[in-house]
Amino acid sequence: MTGPEHYREAERLLAEADNIAEHGGDMGEMIAAAQVHATLAHAAATAQAALVNGDHFIGMPEADVAAWYEAAGTRAKKPPLTRKAGA
């Protein structure tokens, strides 16, 4: 799974845990699994080092930046630009 896929799975598992709780079930396993996926998503994002420096992204291909914004349900305020020379 990619980082964004782990993020989406964590969100899905948390929603499922809410549904289980509404019906009186034990949501502990779902929450534990969601935490694992959230941790893996965080590790992937950190490892890719998508630092924003002024008007461009450093350390992450544009497709990955777009995937992270989509997974988070947000949009970049401006489209990712290519890396500056020497960056």
N, C-alpha and C. Protein backbone atom coordinates (compact mmCIF):
# COMPACT_ATOMS: atom_id res chain seq x y z
N MET A 1 0.84 -1.19 0.00
CA MET A 1 0.00 0.00 0.00
C MET A 1 0.88 1.25 0.00
N THR A 2 0.40 2.27 -0.64
CA THR A 2 1.10 3.55 -0.62
C THR A 2 0.70 4.32 0.63
N GLY A 3 1.40 5.40 0.91
CA GLY A 3 1.05 6.25 2.04
C GLY A 3 -0.38 6.75 1.96
N PRO A 4 -0.81 7.31 0.81
CA PRO A 4 -2.18 7.77 0.70
C PRO A 4 -3.20 6.64 0.87
N GLU A 5 -2.86 5.44 0.40
CA GLU A 5 -3.77 4.31 0.58
C GLU A 5 -3.90 3.94 2.06
N HIS A 6 -2.80 4.00 2.79
CA HIS A 6 -2.86 3.75 4.24
C HIS A 6 -3.74 4.80 4.92
N TYR A 7 -3.61 6.05 4.51
CA TYR A 7 -4.42 7.13 5.07
C TYR A 7 -5.91 6.86 4.85
N ARG A 8 -6.26 6.52 3.62
CA ARG A 8 -7.66 6.24 3.30
C ARG A 8 -8.18 5.04 4.09
N GLU A 9 -7.35 4.00 4.24
CA GLU A 9 -7.77 2.81 4.99
C GLU A 9 -7.99 3.15 6.46
N ALA A 10 -7.14 3.99 7.02
CA ALA A 10 -7.34 4.41 8.41
C ALA A 10 -8.67 5.13 8.56
N GLU A 11 -8.99 6.02 7.63
CA GLU A 11 -10.28 6.72 7.69
C GLU A 11 -11.44 5.74 7.55
N ARG A 12 -11.32 4.77 6.65
CA ARG A 12 -12.39 3.80 6.45
C ARG A 12 -12.60 2.96 7.71
N LEU A 13 -11.51 2.51 8.32
CA LEU A 13 -11.62 1.69 9.53
C LEU A 13 -12.23 2.47 10.69
N LEU A 14 -11.88 3.75 10.81
CA LEU A 14 -12.48 4.56 11.87
C LEU A 14 -13.98 4.73 11.65
N ALA A 15 -14.39 4.92 10.41
CA ALA A 15 -15.82 5.03 10.11
C ALA A 15 -16.53 3.72 10.44
N GLU A 16 -15.88 2.61 10.13
CA GLU A 16 -16.46 1.31 10.43
C GLU A 16 -16.54 1.09 11.95
N ALA A 17 -15.53 1.55 12.67
CA ALA A 17 -15.54 1.45 14.13
C ALA A 17 -16.71 2.24 14.71
N ASP A 18 -16.98 3.41 14.16
CA ASP A 18 -18.13 4.20 14.61
C ASP A 18 -19.43 3.44 14.40
N ASN A 19 -19.54 2.78 13.24
CA ASN A 19 -20.74 2.01 12.93
C ASN A 19 -20.90 0.85 13.92
N ILE A 20 -19.81 0.16 14.23
CA ILE A 20 -19.85 -0.95 15.18
C ILE A 20 -20.27 -0.44 16.56
N ALA A 21 -19.72 0.68 16.98
CA ALA A 21 -20.04 1.25 18.29
C ALA A 21 -21.52 1.62 18.39
N GLU A 22 -22.08 2.14 17.29
CA GLU A 22 -23.49 2.51 17.28
C GLU A 22 -24.40 1.31 17.51
N HIS A 23 -23.90 0.13 17.17
CA HIS A 23 -24.68 -1.09 17.33
C HIS A 23 -24.24 -1.90 18.55
N GLY A 24 -23.51 -1.26 19.45
CA GLY A 24 -23.12 -1.90 20.70
C GLY A 24 -21.97 -2.87 20.60
N GLY A 25 -21.24 -2.85 19.50
CA GLY A 25 -20.13 -3.79 19.32
C GLY A 25 -18.82 -3.25 19.88
N ASP A 26 -17.83 -4.12 19.90
CA ASP A 26 -16.49 -3.75 20.37
C ASP A 26 -15.69 -3.22 19.19
N MET A 27 -15.32 -1.97 19.26
CA MET A 27 -14.61 -1.34 18.14
C MET A 27 -13.10 -1.32 18.34
N GLY A 28 -12.59 -1.97 19.38
CA GLY A 28 -11.17 -1.93 19.69
C GLY A 28 -10.26 -2.40 18.57
N GLU A 29 -10.61 -3.52 17.93
CA GLU A 29 -9.77 -4.04 16.86
C GLU A 29 -9.73 -3.10 15.67
N MET A 30 -10.85 -2.50 15.35
CA MET A 30 -10.91 -1.56 14.22
C MET A 30 -10.05 -0.33 14.51
N ILE A 31 -10.14 0.17 15.73
CA ILE A 31 -9.35 1.35 16.09
C ILE A 31 -7.86 1.02 16.06
N ALA A 32 -7.50 -0.17 16.54
CA ALA A 32 -6.09 -0.57 16.51
C ALA A 32 -5.58 -0.68 15.08
N ALA A 33 -6.38 -1.28 14.20
CA ALA A 33 -5.98 -1.39 12.80
C ALA A 33 -5.88 -0.02 12.15
N ALA A 34 -6.82 0.87 12.47
CA ALA A 34 -6.79 2.23 11.92
C ALA A 34 -5.51 2.95 12.37
N GLN A 35 -5.12 2.75 13.63
CA GLN A 35 -3.91 3.39 14.13
C GLN A 35 -2.67 2.91 13.39
N VAL A 36 -2.63 1.61 13.09
CA VAL A 36 -1.49 1.08 12.33
C VAL A 36 -1.42 1.74 10.97
N HIS A 37 -2.55 1.81 10.28
CA HIS A 37 -2.55 2.43 8.94
C HIS A 37 -2.21 3.92 9.02
N ALA A 38 -2.71 4.61 10.03
CA ALA A 38 -2.39 6.03 10.18
C ALA A 38 -0.90 6.22 10.44
N THR A 39 -0.31 5.34 11.24
CA THR A 39 1.12 5.42 11.52
C THR A 39 1.94 5.18 10.25
N LEU A 40 1.54 4.20 9.45
CA LEU A 40 2.25 3.92 8.20
C LEU A 40 2.10 5.08 7.21
N ALA A 41 0.93 5.70 7.17
CA ALA A 41 0.74 6.87 6.30
C ALA A 41 1.65 8.01 6.75
N HIS A 42 1.73 8.22 8.05
CA HIS A 42 2.59 9.27 8.58
C HIS A 42 4.05 8.99 8.27
N ALA A 43 4.46 7.75 8.43
CA ALA A 43 5.84 7.38 8.11
C ALA A 43 6.16 7.61 6.64
N ALA A 44 5.23 7.27 5.76
CA ALA A 44 5.45 7.48 4.33
C ALA A 44 5.58 8.96 4.01
N ALA A 45 4.70 9.77 4.57
CA ALA A 45 4.75 11.21 4.31
C ALA A 45 6.05 11.81 4.84
N THR A 46 6.46 11.38 6.01
CA THR A 46 7.70 11.89 6.60
C THR A 46 8.90 11.47 5.77
N ALA A 47 8.92 10.20 5.36
CA ALA A 47 10.05 9.67 4.59
C ALA A 47 10.19 10.38 3.25
N GLN A 48 9.09 10.78 2.67
CA GLN A 48 9.14 11.44 1.38
C GLN A 48 9.52 12.91 1.50
N ALA A 49 9.50 13.42 2.71
CA ALA A 49 9.95 14.79 2.98
C ALA A 49 9.39 15.81 2.00
N ALA A 50 8.07 15.94 1.98
CA ALA A 50 7.42 16.90 1.09
C ALA A 50 7.45 18.28 1.71
N LEU A 51 8.60 18.86 1.73
CA LEU A 51 8.74 20.19 2.31
C LEU A 51 8.28 21.24 1.31
N VAL A 52 7.57 22.20 1.78
CA VAL A 52 7.14 23.31 0.93
C VAL A 52 8.11 24.44 1.16
N ASN A 53 8.68 24.94 0.08
CA ASN A 53 9.67 26.01 0.16
C ASN A 53 9.24 27.12 -0.77
N GLY A 54 8.50 28.06 -0.22
CA GLY A 54 8.06 29.17 -1.07
C GLY A 54 7.03 28.71 -2.08
N ASP A 55 7.43 28.66 -3.34
CA ASP A 55 6.46 28.36 -4.39
C ASP A 55 6.67 26.99 -5.04
N HIS A 56 7.42 26.11 -4.40
CA HIS A 56 7.61 24.80 -5.01
C HIS A 56 7.75 23.72 -3.94
N PHE A 57 7.53 22.48 -4.35
CA PHE A 57 7.65 21.34 -3.45
C PHE A 57 9.03 20.70 -3.65
N ILE A 58 9.60 20.25 -2.56
CA ILE A 58 10.91 19.61 -2.60
C ILE A 58 10.76 18.19 -2.08
N GLY A 59 11.36 17.22 -2.76
CA GLY A 59 11.45 15.88 -2.22
C GLY A 59 10.32 14.94 -2.56
N MET A 60 9.31 15.37 -3.28
CA MET A 60 8.20 14.49 -3.61
C MET A 60 7.74 14.79 -5.03
N PRO A 61 7.59 13.74 -5.85
CA PRO A 61 7.07 13.97 -7.20
C PRO A 61 5.68 14.60 -7.17
N GLU A 62 5.37 15.36 -8.19
CA GLU A 62 4.09 16.06 -8.25
C GLU A 62 2.90 15.11 -8.11
N ALA A 63 3.00 13.91 -8.72
CA ALA A 63 1.90 12.95 -8.62
C ALA A 63 1.66 12.53 -7.18
N ASP A 64 2.73 12.36 -6.40
CA ASP A 64 2.59 11.99 -4.99
C ASP A 64 1.98 13.14 -4.19
N VAL A 65 2.39 14.35 -4.49
CA VAL A 65 1.82 15.52 -3.80
C VAL A 65 0.32 15.56 -4.06
N ALA A 66 -0.08 15.37 -5.31
CA ALA A 66 -1.50 15.38 -5.66
C ALA A 66 -2.25 14.25 -4.94
N ALA A 67 -1.63 13.08 -4.85
CA ALA A 67 -2.27 11.95 -4.17
C ALA A 67 -2.47 12.23 -2.69
N TRP A 68 -1.50 12.90 -2.06
CA TRP A 68 -1.65 13.23 -0.63
C TRP A 68 -2.77 14.24 -0.42
N TYR A 69 -2.83 15.25 -1.27
CA TYR A 69 -3.92 16.22 -1.14
C TYR A 69 -5.27 15.54 -1.34
N GLU A 70 -5.36 14.66 -2.33
CA GLU A 70 -6.62 13.96 -2.59
C GLU A 70 -6.99 13.06 -1.41
N ALA A 71 -6.02 12.32 -0.88
CA ALA A 71 -6.28 11.43 0.25
C ALA A 71 -6.75 12.21 1.47
N ALA A 72 -6.19 13.39 1.65
CA ALA A 72 -6.56 14.22 2.80
C ALA A 72 -7.87 14.96 2.57
N GLY A 73 -8.38 14.88 1.33
CA GLY A 73 -9.65 15.55 1.03
C GLY A 73 -9.50 17.05 0.91
N THR A 74 -8.32 17.50 0.56
CA THR A 74 -8.08 18.93 0.40
C THR A 74 -7.48 19.19 -0.97
N ARG A 75 -7.35 20.44 -1.29
CA ARG A 75 -6.73 20.83 -2.55
C ARG A 75 -5.61 21.80 -2.26
N ALA A 76 -4.56 21.72 -3.04
CA ALA A 76 -3.47 22.67 -2.92
C ALA A 76 -3.99 24.05 -3.30
N LYS A 77 -3.50 25.08 -2.63
CA LYS A 77 -3.93 26.44 -2.96
C LYS A 77 -3.44 26.85 -4.33
N LYS A 78 -2.32 26.30 -4.71
CA LYS A 78 -1.83 26.50 -6.06
C LYS A 78 -1.22 25.17 -6.50
N PRO A 79 -1.22 24.87 -7.79
CA PRO A 79 -0.71 23.58 -8.24
C PRO A 79 0.77 23.43 -7.92
N PRO A 80 1.21 22.19 -7.62
CA PRO A 80 2.62 21.97 -7.37
C PRO A 80 3.44 22.36 -8.60
N LEU A 81 4.53 23.02 -8.36
CA LEU A 81 5.43 23.42 -9.43
C LEU A 81 6.64 22.51 -9.44
N THR A 82 7.40 22.54 -10.51
CA THR A 82 8.59 21.71 -10.58
C THR A 82 9.65 22.27 -9.65
N ARG A 83 10.60 21.43 -9.33
CA ARG A 83 11.69 21.84 -8.45
C ARG A 83 12.55 22.90 -9.10
N LYS A 84 13.05 23.81 -8.28
CA LYS A 84 13.95 24.82 -8.79
C LYS A 84 15.32 24.19 -9.04
N ALA A 85 16.04 24.71 -9.98
CA ALA A 85 17.39 24.21 -10.27
C ALA A 85 18.25 24.29 -9.02
N GLY A 86 18.98 23.21 -8.78
CA GLY A 86 19.87 23.17 -7.63
C GLY A 86 19.19 22.80 -6.34
N ALA A 87 17.89 22.54 -6.37
CA ALA A 87 17.14 22.19 -5.16
C ALA A 87 17.18 20.71 -4.91
